[in-house]
Amino acid sequence: PTVGSKVRVTPAHVDPTMAMHDHVWLVRGDEVLDRWPIDLRGW
């Protein structure tokens, strides 16, 4: 993919994957529904 393109990721282990990011995007198909903050620092 090129810089700025959208990619869909399905992680094998969601807990440590989520802990590495500041927010998660919620999507349905190609539509972005929302963005949720993630606060798992020090997890």
Protein backbone atom coordinates (compact mmCIF):
# COMPACT_ATOMS: atom_id res chain seq x y z
CA PRO A 1 0.00 0.00 0.00
CA THR A 2 1.04 3.59 -0.56
CA VAL A 3 1.39 6.16 2.22
CA GLY A 4 -2.04 7.40 3.26
CA SER A 5 -3.95 4.40 1.91
CA LYS A 6 -6.41 2.53 4.13
CA VAL A 7 -5.61 -1.02 5.18
CA ARG A 8 -7.66 -3.44 7.25
CA VAL A 9 -5.76 -5.27 10.00
CA THR A 10 -6.95 -8.30 11.94
CA PRO A 11 -4.41 -8.91 14.72
CA ALA A 12 -3.76 -12.37 16.16
CA HIS A 13 -3.55 -11.02 19.73
CA VAL A 14 -5.74 -7.96 20.19
CA ASP A 15 -4.71 -6.92 23.75
CA PRO A 16 -1.01 -6.16 23.10
CA THR A 17 -1.82 -4.80 19.65
CA MET A 18 -4.34 -2.29 21.03
CA ALA A 19 -1.90 -1.27 23.80
CA MET A 20 0.53 -0.02 21.13
CA HIS A 21 -1.86 2.59 19.69
CA ASP A 22 -3.53 5.83 20.81
CA HIS A 23 -6.84 5.24 19.03
CA VAL A 24 -8.76 2.71 16.96
CA TRP A 25 -10.91 3.42 13.92
CA LEU A 26 -14.29 1.73 13.67
CA VAL A 27 -15.30 0.91 10.11
CA ARG A 28 -18.10 -0.89 8.31
CA GLY A 29 -17.11 -1.80 4.78
CA ASP A 30 -15.45 1.35 3.40
CA GLU A 31 -17.31 3.70 5.76
CA VAL A 32 -15.51 5.13 8.81
CA LEU A 33 -18.02 5.16 11.67
CA ASP A 34 -16.00 6.52 14.58
CA ARG A 35 -12.63 6.82 16.30
CA TRP A 36 -12.20 5.59 19.87
CA PRO A 37 -9.35 6.64 22.16
CA ILE A 38 -7.21 3.90 23.70
CA ASP A 39 -5.49 4.49 27.04
CA LEU A 40 -3.54 1.34 27.85
CA ARG A 41 -0.17 2.92 28.67
CA GLY A 42 1.71 0.80 31.17
CA TRP A 43 -0.53 -2.22 30.53
